[in-house]
Structures are given as structure tokens and as C-alpha cells.
Amino acid sequence: KALNFINPDELSMQCILIALNRFLQEKHGSKMAFLDGNPPERLCKPIADHIESLGGQVILNSRIQKIELNADKSVKHFVLTNGNIITGDAYVFATPVDILKLLLPEDWKEISYFKK
């Protein structure tokens, strides 16, 4: 989870201290950094620009209903809640882990990467 980029006078320092305490308890927690601006402009936009510069398409404000797989367990396509089907050579799925767990295909749940 990430903190929203809001003005410091609107945020209790308790939130910051709880987050920092959690990071520092992890093995490499001291290797944290902060963005020098808001996340959509400093993190998301450069990633989207790079994808588009290579001929990719960035689709925002769309909800994935189901990840359909091929016989070899690779992604066949995404089915969106509006009924559209998204196909591609590669996919970037930007979602919280909680949502990914709900959409994870059964065949992927046995993969060690997703067991974590």
C-alpha cells in the first residue's frame, strides 16, 4: 500500500511513523526512498510513456473481470467488466495485490511465485 500524495498539513505524522516503522523492520527496509513529486506524474506517466513509445497501449479506468489462459497457462486475453476483450503480446496489470488474488486463475495458484 502507498500513501496518497497530499499536503503535509492534511496528514497525521502517525501514518508516516507507522509506515516507516514497518519498512525499517524489514530486511532491506533502510533502502527506501521517496518520489520528488506526485506518483502519477513522476512514476506512472514515465512508465505509460515508455510503453506507448514501444507501440503498446495503456488502458486506464478499466476493470478486469477474468484472466483467460491458453493451454500452456500463458495469458490468452483479459475480459473486462464491460465485456471488452483485451489481447496482446505482453500485459502489465496494475492493481493492488488484494484484487490480483481474487482474479488469479486457478492454474496459476500452484506457481511458487504466486503462493507468496
PDB file of N, CA and C in Angstrom:
ATOM      1  N   LYS A   1       0.843  -1.190   0.000  1.00  0.00           N
ATOM      2  CA  LYS A   1       0.000   0.000   0.000  1.00  0.00           C
ATOM      3  C   LYS A   1       0.874   1.234   0.000  1.00  0.00           C
ATOM      4  N   ALA A   2       0.387   2.303  -0.550  1.00  0.00           N
ATOM      5  CA  ALA A   2       1.162   3.546  -0.632  1.00  0.00           C
ATOM      6  C   ALA A   2       0.366   4.681  -0.001  1.00  0.00           C
ATOM      7  N   LEU A   3       1.105   5.662   0.454  1.00  0.00           N
ATOM      8  CA  LEU A   3       0.461   6.855   0.994  1.00  0.00           C
ATOM      9  C   LEU A   3       0.045   7.754  -0.156  1.00  0.00           C
ATOM     10  N   ASN A   4      -1.095   8.379  -0.034  1.00  0.00           N
ATOM     11  CA  ASN A   4      -1.521   9.329  -1.061  1.00  0.00           C
ATOM     12  C   ASN A   4      -0.638  10.565  -1.005  1.00  0.00           C
ATOM     13  N   PHE A   5      -0.486  11.227  -2.130  1.00  0.00           N
ATOM     14  CA  PHE A   5       0.319  12.442  -2.181  1.00  0.00           C
ATOM     15  C   PHE A   5      -0.592  13.612  -1.838  1.00  0.00           C
ATOM     16  N   ILE A   6      -0.567  13.997  -0.570  1.00  0.00           N
ATOM     17  CA  ILE A   6      -1.384  15.116  -0.113  1.00  0.00           C
ATOM     18  C   ILE A   6      -0.485  16.067   0.665  1.00  0.00           C
ATOM     19  N   ASN A   7      -0.999  17.230   0.937  1.00  0.00           N
ATOM     20  CA  ASN A   7      -0.232  18.240   1.661  1.00  0.00           C
ATOM     21  C   ASN A   7       0.089  17.771   3.077  1.00  0.00           C
ATOM     22  N   PRO A   8       1.286  18.100   3.582  1.00  0.00           N
ATOM     23  CA  PRO A   8       1.691  17.639   4.906  1.00  0.00           C
ATOM     24  C   PRO A   8       0.757  18.088   6.023  1.00  0.00           C
ATOM     25  N   ASP A   9       0.137  19.272   5.867  1.00  0.00           N
ATOM     26  CA  ASP A   9      -0.750  19.744   6.927  1.00  0.00           C
ATOM     27  C   ASP A   9      -2.077  18.985   6.962  1.00  0.00           C
ATOM     28  N   GLU A  10      -2.311  18.123   5.970  1.00  0.00           N
ATOM     29  CA  GLU A  10      -3.537  17.329   5.929  1.00  0.00           C
ATOM     30  C   GLU A  10      -3.300  15.885   6.372  1.00  0.00           C
ATOM     31  N   LEU A  11      -2.069  15.554   6.750  1.00  0.00           N
ATOM     32  CA  LEU A  11      -1.712  14.176   7.071  1.00  0.00           C
ATOM     33  C   LEU A  11      -1.148  14.098   8.481  1.00  0.00           C
ATOM     34  N   SER A  12      -1.653  13.184   9.265  1.00  0.00           N
ATOM     35  CA  SER A  12      -1.113  12.974  10.596  1.00  0.00           C
ATOM     36  C   SER A  12       0.236  12.277  10.482  1.00  0.00           C
ATOM     37  N   MET A  13       1.214  12.713  11.233  1.00  0.00           N
ATOM     38  CA  MET A  13       2.541  12.096  11.209  1.00  0.00           C
ATOM     39  C   MET A  13       2.485  10.672  11.748  1.00  0.00           C
ATOM     40  N   GLN A  14       1.402  10.328  12.437  1.00  0.00           N
ATOM     41  CA  GLN A  14       1.259   8.963  12.927  1.00  0.00           C
ATOM     42  C   GLN A  14       1.268   7.981  11.745  1.00  0.00           C
ATOM     43  N   CYS A  15       0.625   8.353  10.636  1.00  0.00           N
ATOM     44  CA  CYS A  15       0.618   7.499   9.450  1.00  0.00           C
ATOM     45  C   CYS A  15       2.028   7.276   8.927  1.00  0.00           C
ATOM     46  N   ILE A  16       2.796   8.349   8.860  1.00  0.00           N
ATOM     47  CA  ILE A  16       4.175   8.269   8.366  1.00  0.00           C
ATOM     48  C   ILE A  16       5.013   7.397   9.300  1.00  0.00           C
ATOM     49  N   LEU A  17       4.900   7.599  10.589  1.00  0.00           N
ATOM     50  CA  LEU A  17       5.695   6.843  11.549  1.00  0.00           C
ATOM     51  C   LEU A  17       5.354   5.355  11.517  1.00  0.00           C
ATOM     52  N   ILE A  18       4.092   5.028  11.374  1.00  0.00           N
ATOM     53  CA  ILE A  18       3.692   3.620  11.279  1.00  0.00           C
ATOM     54  C   ILE A  18       4.295   2.989  10.026  1.00  0.00           C
ATOM     55  N   ALA A  19       4.219   3.702   8.898  1.00  0.00           N
ATOM     56  CA  ALA A  19       4.775   3.180   7.648  1.00  0.00           C
ATOM     57  C   ALA A  19       6.289   3.016   7.749  1.00  0.00           C
ATOM     58  N   LEU A  20       6.981   4.034   8.254  1.00  0.00           N
ATOM     59  CA  LEU A  20       8.436   3.958   8.392  1.00  0.00           C
ATOM     60  C   LEU A  20       8.848   2.830   9.327  1.00  0.00           C
ATOM     61  N   ASN A  21       8.131   2.664  10.414  1.00  0.00           N
ATOM     62  CA  ASN A  21       8.428   1.599  11.367  1.00  0.00           C
ATOM     63  C   ASN A  21       8.310   0.229  10.696  1.00  0.00           C
ATOM     64  N   ARG A  22       7.277   0.070   9.886  1.00  0.00           N
ATOM     65  CA  ARG A  22       7.089  -1.213   9.188  1.00  0.00           C
ATOM     66  C   ARG A  22       8.225  -1.457   8.192  1.00  0.00           C
ATOM     67  N   PHE A  23       8.582  -0.443   7.410  1.00  0.00           N
ATOM     68  CA  PHE A  23       9.664  -0.600   6.436  1.00  0.00           C
ATOM     69  C   PHE A  23      10.979  -0.937   7.134  1.00  0.00           C
ATOM     70  N   LEU A  24      11.260  -0.261   8.219  1.00  0.00           N
ATOM     71  CA  LEU A  24      12.537  -0.446   8.900  1.00  0.00           C
ATOM     72  C   LEU A  24      12.663  -1.815   9.565  1.00  0.00           C
ATOM     73  N   GLN A  25      11.563  -2.474   9.811  1.00  0.00           N
ATOM     74  CA  GLN A  25      11.603  -3.810  10.399  1.00  0.00           C
ATOM     75  C   GLN A  25      11.897  -4.885   9.347  1.00  0.00           C
ATOM     76  N   GLU A  26      11.802  -4.530   8.070  1.00  0.00           N
ATOM     77  CA  GLU A  26      12.092  -5.495   7.008  1.00  0.00           C
ATOM     78  C   GLU A  26      13.588  -5.551   6.745  1.00  0.00           C
ATOM     79  N   LYS A  27      14.042  -6.649   6.144  1.00  0.00           N
ATOM     80  CA  LYS A  27      15.472  -6.907   5.939  1.00  0.00           C
ATOM     81  C   LYS A  27      16.192  -5.750   5.250  1.00  0.00           C
ATOM     82  N   HIS A  28      15.631  -5.233   4.180  1.00  0.00           N
ATOM     83  CA  HIS A  28      16.266  -4.144   3.439  1.00  0.00           C
ATOM     84  C   HIS A  28      15.463  -2.844   3.582  1.00  0.00           C
ATOM     85  N   GLY A  29      14.788  -2.698   4.704  1.00  0.00           N
ATOM     86  CA  GLY A  29      13.926  -1.554   4.921  1.00  0.00           C
ATOM     87  C   GLY A  29      14.622  -0.212   4.918  1.00  0.00           C
ATOM     88  N   SER A  30      15.910  -0.192   5.225  1.00  0.00           N
ATOM     89  CA  SER A  30      16.608   1.086   5.244  1.00  0.00           C
ATOM     90  C   SER A  30      16.893   1.601   3.839  1.00  0.00           C
ATOM     91  N   LYS A  31      16.616   0.803   2.835  1.00  0.00           N
ATOM     92  CA  LYS A  31      16.856   1.210   1.443  1.00  0.00           C
ATOM     93  C   LYS A  31      15.570   1.752   0.822  1.00  0.00           C
ATOM     94  N   MET A  32      14.894   2.618   1.509  1.00  0.00           N
ATOM     95  CA  MET A  32      13.662   3.186   0.974  1.00  0.00           C
ATOM     96  C   MET A  32      13.939   4.577   0.424  1.00  0.00           C
ATOM     97  N   ALA A  33      13.026   5.041  -0.391  1.00  0.00           N
ATOM     98  CA  ALA A  33      13.175   6.360  -0.996  1.00  0.00           C
ATOM     99  C   ALA A  33      11.795   6.971  -1.173  1.00  0.00           C
ATOM    100  N   PHE A  34      11.785   8.245  -1.449  1.00  0.00           N
ATOM    101  CA  PHE A  34      10.536   8.950  -1.686  1.00  0.00           C
ATOM    102  C   PHE A  34      10.601   9.608  -3.054  1.00  0.00           C
ATOM    103  N   LEU A  35       9.475   9.725  -3.718  1.00  0.00           N
ATOM    104  CA  LEU A  35       9.414  10.400  -5.007  1.00  0.00           C
ATOM    105  C   LEU A  35       9.552  11.901  -4.815  1.00  0.00           C
ATOM    106  N   ASP A  36      10.105  12.570  -5.804  1.00  0.00           N
ATOM    107  CA  ASP A  36      10.242  14.026  -5.744  1.00  0.00           C
ATOM    108  C   ASP A  36       9.068  14.711  -6.439  1.00  0.00           C
ATOM    109  N   GLY A  37       7.896  14.191  -6.220  1.00  0.00           N
ATOM    110  CA  GLY A  37       6.675  14.742  -6.803  1.00  0.00           C
ATOM    111  C   GLY A  37       5.544  13.751  -6.618  1.00  0.00           C
ATOM    112  N   ASN A  38       4.412  14.029  -7.272  1.00  0.00           N
ATOM    113  CA  ASN A  38       3.278  13.131  -7.086  1.00  0.00           C
ATOM    114  C   ASN A  38       3.453  11.856  -7.927  1.00  0.00           C
ATOM    115  N   PRO A  39       2.980  10.712  -7.416  1.00  0.00           N
ATOM    116  CA  PRO A  39       3.183   9.426  -8.090  1.00  0.00           C
ATOM    117  C   PRO A  39       2.656   9.351  -9.529  1.00  0.00           C
ATOM    118  N   PRO A  40       1.464   9.878  -9.838  1.00  0.00           N
ATOM    119  CA  PRO A  40       1.019   9.766 -11.226  1.00  0.00           C
ATOM    120  C   PRO A  40       1.961  10.457 -12.219  1.00  0.00           C
ATOM    121  N   GLU A  41       2.499  11.604 -11.823  1.00  0.00           N
ATOM    122  CA  GLU A  41       3.368  12.368 -12.731  1.00  0.00           C
ATOM    123  C   GLU A  41       4.801  11.834 -12.755  1.00  0.00           C
ATOM    124  N   ARG A  42       5.330  11.457 -11.604  1.00  0.00           N
ATOM    125  CA  ARG A  42       6.745  11.074 -11.502  1.00  0.00           C
ATOM    126  C   ARG A  42       6.993   9.586 -11.697  1.00  0.00           C
ATOM    127  N   LEU A  43       5.972   8.740 -11.532  1.00  0.00           N
ATOM    128  CA  LEU A  43       6.153   7.294 -11.639  1.00  0.00           C
ATOM    129  C   LEU A  43       5.301   6.695 -12.760  1.00  0.00           C
ATOM    130  N   CYS A  44       4.007   6.918 -12.707  1.00  0.00           N
ATOM    131  CA  CYS A  44       3.099   6.290 -13.665  1.00  0.00           C
ATOM    132  C   CYS A  44       3.244   6.846 -15.078  1.00  0.00           C
ATOM    133  N   LYS A  45       3.327   8.155 -15.235  1.00  0.00           N
ATOM    134  CA  LYS A  45       3.400   8.754 -16.566  1.00  0.00           C
ATOM    135  C   LYS A  45       4.641   8.305 -17.334  1.00  0.00           C
ATOM    136  N   PRO A  46       5.838   8.299 -16.726  1.00  0.00           N
ATOM    137  CA  PRO A  46       7.004   7.810 -17.474  1.00  0.00           C
ATOM    138  C   PRO A  46       6.866   6.346 -17.907  1.00  0.00           C
ATOM    139  N   ILE A  47       6.251   5.522 -17.078  1.00  0.00           N
ATOM    140  CA  ILE A  47       6.045   4.117 -17.448  1.00  0.00           C
ATOM    141  C   ILE A  47       5.079   4.026 -18.626  1.00  0.00           C
ATOM    142  N   ALA A  48       3.958   4.753 -18.552  1.00  0.00           N
ATOM    143  CA  ALA A  48       2.979   4.749 -19.638  1.00  0.00           C
ATOM    144  C   ALA A  48       3.588   5.301 -20.920  1.00  0.00           C
ATOM    145  N   ASP A  49       4.360   6.379 -20.814  1.00  0.00           N
ATOM    146  CA  ASP A  49       5.018   6.955 -21.999  1.00  0.00           C
ATOM    147  C   ASP A  49       5.965   5.951 -22.641  1.00  0.00           C
ATOM    148  N   HIS A  50       6.697   5.204 -21.837  1.00  0.00           N
ATOM    149  CA  HIS A  50       7.634   4.210 -22.358  1.00  0.00           C
ATOM    150  C   HIS A  50       6.895   3.084 -23.085  1.00  0.00           C
ATOM    151  N   ILE A  51       5.831   2.592 -22.484  1.00  0.00           N
ATOM    152  CA  ILE A  51       5.027   1.534 -23.120  1.00  0.00           C
ATOM    153  C   ILE A  51       4.499   2.019 -24.460  1.00  0.00           C
ATOM    154  N   GLU A  52       3.954   3.240 -24.486  1.00  0.00           N
ATOM    155  CA  GLU A  52       3.393   3.780 -25.732  1.00  0.00           C
ATOM    156  C   GLU A  52       4.475   4.054 -26.768  1.00  0.00           C
ATOM    157  N   SER A  53       5.674   4.433 -26.327  1.00  0.00           N
ATOM    158  CA  SER A  53       6.767   4.695 -27.279  1.00  0.00           C
ATOM    159  C   SER A  53       7.210   3.421 -27.990  1.00  0.00           C
ATOM    160  N   LEU A  54       6.925   2.275 -27.394  1.00  0.00           N
ATOM    161  CA  LEU A  54       7.278   0.989 -27.996  1.00  0.00           C
ATOM    162  C   LEU A  54       6.098   0.362 -28.742  1.00  0.00           C
ATOM    163  N   GLY A  55       5.034   1.141 -28.928  1.00  0.00           N
ATOM    164  CA  GLY A  55       3.873   0.652 -29.670  1.00  0.00           C
ATOM    165  C   GLY A  55       2.790   0.027 -28.824  1.00  0.00           C
ATOM    166  N   GLY A  56       2.966   0.052 -27.518  1.00  0.00           N
ATOM    167  CA  GLY A  56       1.959  -0.515 -26.627  1.00  0.00           C
ATOM    168  C   GLY A  56       0.809   0.444 -26.396  1.00  0.00           C
ATOM    169  N   GLN A  57      -0.215  -0.053 -25.759  1.00  0.00           N
ATOM    170  CA  GLN A  57      -1.403   0.743 -25.456  1.00  0.00           C
ATOM    171  C   GLN A  57      -1.658   0.684 -23.956  1.00  0.00           C
ATOM    172  N   VAL A  58      -1.921   1.832 -23.357  1.00  0.00           N
ATOM    173  CA  VAL A  58      -2.242   1.911 -21.945  1.00  0.00           C
ATOM    174  C   VAL A  58      -3.739   2.175 -21.828  1.00  0.00           C
ATOM    175  N   ILE A  59      -4.433   1.272 -21.166  1.00  0.00           N
ATOM    176  CA  ILE A  59      -5.883   1.399 -20.990  1.00  0.00           C
ATOM    177  C   ILE A  59      -6.146   1.664 -19.513  1.00  0.00           C
ATOM    178  N   LEU A  60      -6.727   2.818 -19.221  1.00  0.00           N
ATOM    179  CA  LEU A  60      -6.991   3.210 -17.842  1.00  0.00           C
ATOM    180  C   LEU A  60      -8.474   3.062 -17.507  1.00  0.00           C
ATOM    181  N   ASN A  61      -8.759   3.080 -16.221  1.00  0.00           N
ATOM    182  CA  ASN A  61     -10.136   3.059 -15.721  1.00  0.00           C
ATOM    183  C   ASN A  61     -10.944   1.902 -16.279  1.00  0.00           C
ATOM    184  N   SER A  62     -10.310   0.744 -16.356  1.00  0.00           N
ATOM    185  CA  SER A  62     -10.973  -0.470 -16.834  1.00  0.00           C
ATOM    186  C   SER A  62     -10.769  -1.559 -15.801  1.00  0.00           C
ATOM    187  N   ARG A  63     -11.819  -2.301 -15.542  1.00  0.00           N
ATOM    188  CA  ARG A  63     -11.722  -3.358 -14.544  1.00  0.00           C
ATOM    189  C   ARG A  63     -11.684  -4.715 -15.225  1.00  0.00           C
ATOM    190  N   ILE A  64     -10.742  -5.523 -14.795  1.00  0.00           N
ATOM    191  CA  ILE A  64     -10.619  -6.868 -15.337  1.00  0.00           C
ATOM    192  C   ILE A  64     -11.571  -7.787 -14.581  1.00  0.00           C
ATOM    193  N   GLN A  65     -12.376  -8.508 -15.338  1.00  0.00           N
ATOM    194  CA  GLN A  65     -13.303  -9.464 -14.745  1.00  0.00           C
ATOM    195  C   GLN A  65     -12.665 -10.841 -14.644  1.00  0.00           C
ATOM    196  N   LYS A  66     -11.849 -11.192 -15.676  1.00  0.00           N
ATOM    197  CA  LYS A  66     -11.269 -12.529 -15.697  1.00  0.00           C
ATOM    198  C   LYS A  66     -10.015 -12.541 -16.558  1.00  0.00           C
ATOM    199  N   ILE A  67      -9.038 -13.344 -16.145  1.00  0.00           N
ATOM    200  CA  ILE A  67      -7.842 -13.580 -16.940  1.00  0.00           C
ATOM    201  C   ILE A  67      -8.016 -14.955 -17.583  1.00  0.00           C
ATOM    202  N   GLU A  68      -8.173 -14.984 -18.897  1.00  0.00           N
ATOM    203  CA  GLU A  68      -8.329 -16.253 -19.626  1.00  0.00           C
ATOM    204  C   GLU A  68      -6.945 -16.758 -20.020  1.00  0.00           C
ATOM    205  N   LEU A  69      -6.723 -18.069 -19.876  1.00  0.00           N
ATOM    206  CA  LEU A  69      -5.420 -18.654 -20.177  1.00  0.00           C
ATOM    207  C   LEU A  69      -5.465 -19.548 -21.413  1.00  0.00           C
ATOM    208  N   ASN A  70      -4.288 -19.677 -22.053  1.00  0.00           N
ATOM    209  CA  ASN A  70      -4.089 -20.657 -23.118  1.00  0.00           C
ATOM    210  C   ASN A  70      -3.813 -22.015 -22.472  1.00  0.00           C
ATOM    211  N   ALA A  71      -3.723 -23.063 -23.287  1.00  0.00           N
ATOM    212  CA  ALA A  71      -3.445 -24.408 -22.776  1.00  0.00           C
ATOM    213  C   ALA A  71      -2.104 -24.471 -22.041  1.00  0.00           C
ATOM    214  N   ASP A  72      -1.131 -23.634 -22.455  1.00  0.00           N
ATOM    215  CA  ASP A  72       0.186 -23.634 -21.811  1.00  0.00           C
ATOM    216  C   ASP A  72       0.236 -22.726 -20.578  1.00  0.00           C
ATOM    217  N   LYS A  73      -0.911 -22.257 -20.131  1.00  0.00           N
ATOM    218  CA  LYS A  73      -1.080 -21.411 -18.940  1.00  0.00           C
ATOM    219  C   LYS A  73      -0.578 -19.981 -19.122  1.00  0.00           C
ATOM    220  N   SER A  74      -0.287 -19.576 -20.351  1.00  0.00           N
ATOM    221  CA  SER A  74       0.040 -18.176 -20.625  1.00  0.00           C
ATOM    222  C   SER A  74      -1.275 -17.412 -20.805  1.00  0.00           C
ATOM    223  N   VAL A  75      -1.204 -16.084 -20.775  1.00  0.00           N
ATOM    224  CA  VAL A  75      -2.420 -15.272 -20.881  1.00  0.00           C
ATOM    225  C   VAL A  75      -2.950 -15.308 -22.317  1.00  0.00           C
ATOM    226  N   LYS A  76      -4.202 -15.685 -22.457  1.00  0.00           N
ATOM    227  CA  LYS A  76      -4.887 -15.651 -23.755  1.00  0.00           C
ATOM    228  C   LYS A  76      -5.446 -14.250 -23.974  1.00  0.00           C
ATOM    229  N   HIS A  77      -6.174 -13.746 -22.985  1.00  0.00           N
ATOM    230  CA  HIS A  77      -6.710 -12.386 -23.025  1.00  0.00           C
ATOM    231  C   HIS A  77      -7.309 -12.035 -21.666  1.00  0.00           C
ATOM    232  N   PHE A  78      -7.580 -10.751 -21.503  1.00  0.00           N
ATOM    233  CA  PHE A  78      -8.298 -10.256 -20.331  1.00  0.00           C
ATOM    234  C   PHE A  78      -9.737  -9.988 -20.750  1.00  0.00           C
ATOM    235  N   VAL A  79     -10.672 -10.336 -19.895  1.00  0.00           N
ATOM    236  CA  VAL A  79     -12.079  -9.984 -20.106  1.00  0.00           C
ATOM    237  C   VAL A  79     -12.392  -8.852 -19.135  1.00  0.00           C
ATOM    238  N   LEU A  80     -12.824  -7.711 -19.673  1.00  0.00           N
ATOM    239  CA  LEU A  80     -13.161  -6.563 -18.830  1.00  0.00           C
ATOM    240  C   LEU A  80     -14.601  -6.656 -18.368  1.00  0.00           C
ATOM    241  N   THR A  81     -14.939  -5.923 -17.317  1.00  0.00           N
ATOM    242  CA  THR A  81     -16.305  -5.954 -16.793  1.00  0.00           C
ATOM    243  C   THR A  81     -17.318  -5.380 -17.777  1.00  0.00           C
ATOM    244  N   ASN A  82     -16.844  -4.550 -18.734  1.00  0.00           N
ATOM    245  CA  ASN A  82     -17.764  -4.002 -19.741  1.00  0.00           C
ATOM    246  C   ASN A  82     -17.940  -4.946 -20.930  1.00  0.00           C
ATOM    247  N   GLY A  83     -17.318  -6.140 -20.858  1.00  0.00           N
ATOM    248  CA  GLY A  83     -17.453  -7.138 -21.916  1.00  0.00           C
ATOM    249  C   GLY A  83     -16.346  -7.107 -22.958  1.00  0.00           C
ATOM    250  N   ASN A  84     -15.548  -6.044 -22.993  1.00  0.00           N
ATOM    251  CA  ASN A  84     -14.445  -5.971 -23.957  1.00  0.00           C
ATOM    252  C   ASN A  84     -13.390  -7.022 -23.638  1.00  0.00           C
ATOM    253  N   ILE A  85     -12.716  -7.486 -24.685  1.00  0.00           N
ATOM    254  CA  ILE A  85     -11.631  -8.448 -24.538  1.00  0.00           C
ATOM    255  C   ILE A  85     -10.348  -7.765 -24.970  1.00  0.00           C
ATOM    256  N   ILE A  86      -9.324  -7.860 -24.117  1.00  0.00           N
ATOM    257  CA  ILE A  86      -8.028  -7.237 -24.371  1.00  0.00           C
ATOM    258  C   ILE A  86      -7.020  -8.337 -24.671  1.00  0.00           C
ATOM    259  N   THR A  87      -6.401  -8.263 -25.856  1.00  0.00           N
ATOM    260  CA  THR A  87      -5.366  -9.227 -26.218  1.00  0.00           C
ATOM    261  C   THR A  87      -4.066  -8.485 -26.479  1.00  0.00           C
ATOM    262  N   GLY A  88      -2.949  -9.181 -26.309  1.00  0.00           N
ATOM    263  CA  GLY A  88      -1.659  -8.561 -26.551  1.00  0.00           C
ATOM    264  C   GLY A  88      -0.530  -9.571 -26.490  1.00  0.00           C
ATOM    265  N   ASP A  89       0.664  -9.107 -26.797  1.00  0.00           N
ATOM    266  CA  ASP A  89       1.857  -9.950 -26.714  1.00  0.00           C
ATOM    267  C   ASP A  89       2.393  -9.985 -25.282  1.00  0.00           C
ATOM    268  N   ALA A  90       2.186  -8.901 -24.539  1.00  0.00           N
ATOM    269  CA  ALA A  90       2.610  -8.802 -23.142  1.00  0.00           C
ATOM    270  C   ALA A  90       1.597  -7.923 -22.412  1.00  0.00           C
ATOM    271  N   TYR A  91       1.485  -8.142 -21.113  1.00  0.00           N
ATOM    272  CA  TYR A  91       0.493  -7.419 -20.326  1.00  0.00           C
ATOM    273  C   TYR A  91       1.131  -6.834 -19.073  1.00  0.00           C
ATOM    274  N   VAL A  92       0.687  -5.638 -18.700  1.00  0.00           N
ATOM    275  CA  VAL A  92       1.035  -5.035 -17.417  1.00  0.00           C
ATOM    276  C   VAL A  92      -0.288  -4.854 -16.687  1.00  0.00           C
ATOM    277  N   PHE A  93      -0.392  -5.459 -15.532  1.00  0.00           N
ATOM    278  CA  PHE A  93      -1.632  -5.456 -14.770  1.00  0.00           C
ATOM    279  C   PHE A  93      -1.378  -4.658 -13.499  1.00  0.00           C
ATOM    280  N   ALA A  94      -1.805  -3.403 -13.461  1.00  0.00           N
ATOM    281  CA  ALA A  94      -1.550  -2.528 -12.316  1.00  0.00           C
ATOM    282  C   ALA A  94      -2.756  -2.560 -11.389  1.00  0.00           C
ATOM    283  N   THR A  95      -2.625  -3.297 -10.309  1.00  0.00           N
ATOM    284  CA  THR A  95      -3.721  -3.441  -9.363  1.00  0.00           C
ATOM    285  C   THR A  95      -3.169  -3.774  -7.985  1.00  0.00           C
ATOM    286  N   PRO A  96      -3.908  -3.472  -6.938  1.00  0.00           N
ATOM    287  CA  PRO A  96      -3.463  -3.903  -5.613  1.00  0.00           C
ATOM    288  C   PRO A  96      -3.410  -5.434  -5.531  1.00  0.00           C
ATOM    289  N   VAL A  97      -2.540  -5.938  -4.686  1.00  0.00           N
ATOM    290  CA  VAL A  97      -2.375  -7.386  -4.537  1.00  0.00           C
ATOM    291  C   VAL A  97      -3.688  -8.046  -4.124  1.00  0.00           C
ATOM    292  N   ASP A  98      -4.467  -7.384  -3.294  1.00  0.00           N
ATOM    293  CA  ASP A  98      -5.739  -7.958  -2.843  1.00  0.00           C
ATOM    294  C   ASP A  98      -6.653  -8.287  -4.024  1.00  0.00           C
ATOM    295  N   ILE A  99      -6.702  -7.402  -5.004  1.00  0.00           N
ATOM    296  CA  ILE A  99      -7.546  -7.614  -6.184  1.00  0.00           C
ATOM    297  C   ILE A  99      -6.957  -8.707  -7.061  1.00  0.00           C
ATOM    298  N   LEU A 100      -5.637  -8.698  -7.220  1.00  0.00           N
ATOM    299  CA  LEU A 100      -4.990  -9.741  -8.022  1.00  0.00           C
ATOM    300  C   LEU A 100      -5.296 -11.125  -7.463  1.00  0.00           C
ATOM    301  N   LYS A 101      -5.283 -11.268  -6.150  1.00  0.00           N
ATOM    302  CA  LYS A 101      -5.583 -12.565  -5.537  1.00  0.00           C
ATOM    303  C   LYS A 101      -6.974 -13.057  -5.914  1.00  0.00           C
ATOM    304  N   LEU A 102      -7.913 -12.151  -6.042  1.00  0.00           N
ATOM    305  CA  LEU A 102      -9.282 -12.532  -6.412  1.00  0.00           C
ATOM    306  C   LEU A 102      -9.375 -12.962  -7.875  1.00  0.00           C
ATOM    307  N   LEU A 103      -8.546 -12.375  -8.730  1.00  0.00           N
ATOM    308  CA  LEU A 103      -8.613 -12.645 -10.170  1.00  0.00           C
ATOM    309  C   LEU A 103      -7.641 -13.719 -10.643  1.00  0.00           C
ATOM    310  N   LEU A 104      -6.756 -14.167  -9.766  1.00  0.00           N
ATOM    311  CA  LEU A 104      -5.723 -15.114 -10.153  1.00  0.00           C
ATOM    312  C   LEU A 104      -6.348 -16.417 -10.665  1.00  0.00           C
ATOM    313  N   PRO A 105      -6.002 -16.835 -11.886  1.00  0.00           N
ATOM    314  CA  PRO A 105      -6.546 -18.095 -12.408  1.00  0.00           C
ATOM    315  C   PRO A 105      -6.121 -19.277 -11.535  1.00  0.00           C
ATOM    316  N   GLU A 106      -6.975 -20.267 -11.429  1.00  0.00           N
ATOM    317  CA  GLU A 106      -6.686 -21.449 -10.611  1.00  0.00           C
ATOM    318  C   GLU A 106      -5.363 -22.095 -11.002  1.00  0.00           C
ATOM    319  N   ASP A 107      -5.083 -22.167 -12.304  1.00  0.00           N
ATOM    320  CA  ASP A 107      -3.848 -22.801 -12.775  1.00  0.00           C
ATOM    321  C   ASP A 107      -2.597 -22.074 -12.297  1.00  0.00           C
ATOM    322  N   TRP A 108      -2.697 -20.794 -11.961  1.00  0.00           N
ATOM    323  CA  TRP A 108      -1.544 -20.031 -11.503  1.00  0.00           C
ATOM    324  C   TRP A 108      -1.325 -20.137  -9.998  1.00  0.00           C
ATOM    325  N   LYS A 109      -2.347 -20.549  -9.273  1.00  0.00           N
ATOM    326  CA  LYS A 109      -2.240 -20.587  -7.811  1.00  0.00           C
ATOM    327  C   LYS A 109      -1.217 -21.607  -7.329  1.00  0.00           C
ATOM    328  N   GLU A 110      -0.862 -22.563  -8.171  1.00  0.00           N
ATOM    329  CA  GLU A 110       0.139 -23.567  -7.813  1.00  0.00           C
ATOM    330  C   GLU A 110       1.562 -23.125  -8.140  1.00  0.00           C
ATOM    331  N   ILE A 111       1.732 -21.999  -8.839  1.00  0.00           N
ATOM    332  CA  ILE A 111       3.055 -21.475  -9.188  1.00  0.00           C
ATOM    333  C   ILE A 111       3.658 -20.858  -7.918  1.00  0.00           C
ATOM    334  N   SER A 112       4.908 -21.215  -7.617  1.00  0.00           N
ATOM    335  CA  SER A 112       5.524 -20.775  -6.371  1.00  0.00           C
ATOM    336  C   SER A 112       5.531 -19.246  -6.226  1.00  0.00           C
ATOM    337  N   TYR A 113       5.718 -18.529  -7.328  1.00  0.00           N
ATOM    338  CA  TYR A 113       5.730 -17.057  -7.287  1.00  0.00           C
ATOM    339  C   TYR A 113       4.428 -16.521  -6.694  1.00  0.00           C
ATOM    340  N   PHE A 114       3.307 -17.104  -7.071  1.00  0.00           N
ATOM    341  CA  PHE A 114       2.012 -16.605  -6.617  1.00  0.00           C
ATOM    342  C   PHE A 114       1.615 -17.159  -5.251  1.00  0.00           C
ATOM    343  N   LYS A 115       2.290 -18.180  -4.771  1.00  0.00           N
ATOM    344  CA  LYS A 115       1.985 -18.718  -3.437  1.00  0.00           C
ATOM    345  C   LYS A 115       2.394 -17.756  -2.348  1.00  0.00           C
ATOM    346  N   LYS A 116       3.330 -16.846  -2.658  1.00  0.00           N
ATOM    347  CA  LYS A 116       3.799 -15.866  -1.675  1.00  0.00           C
ATOM    348  C   LYS A 116       2.776 -14.769  -1.527  1.00  0.00           C
TER     349      LYS A 116
END
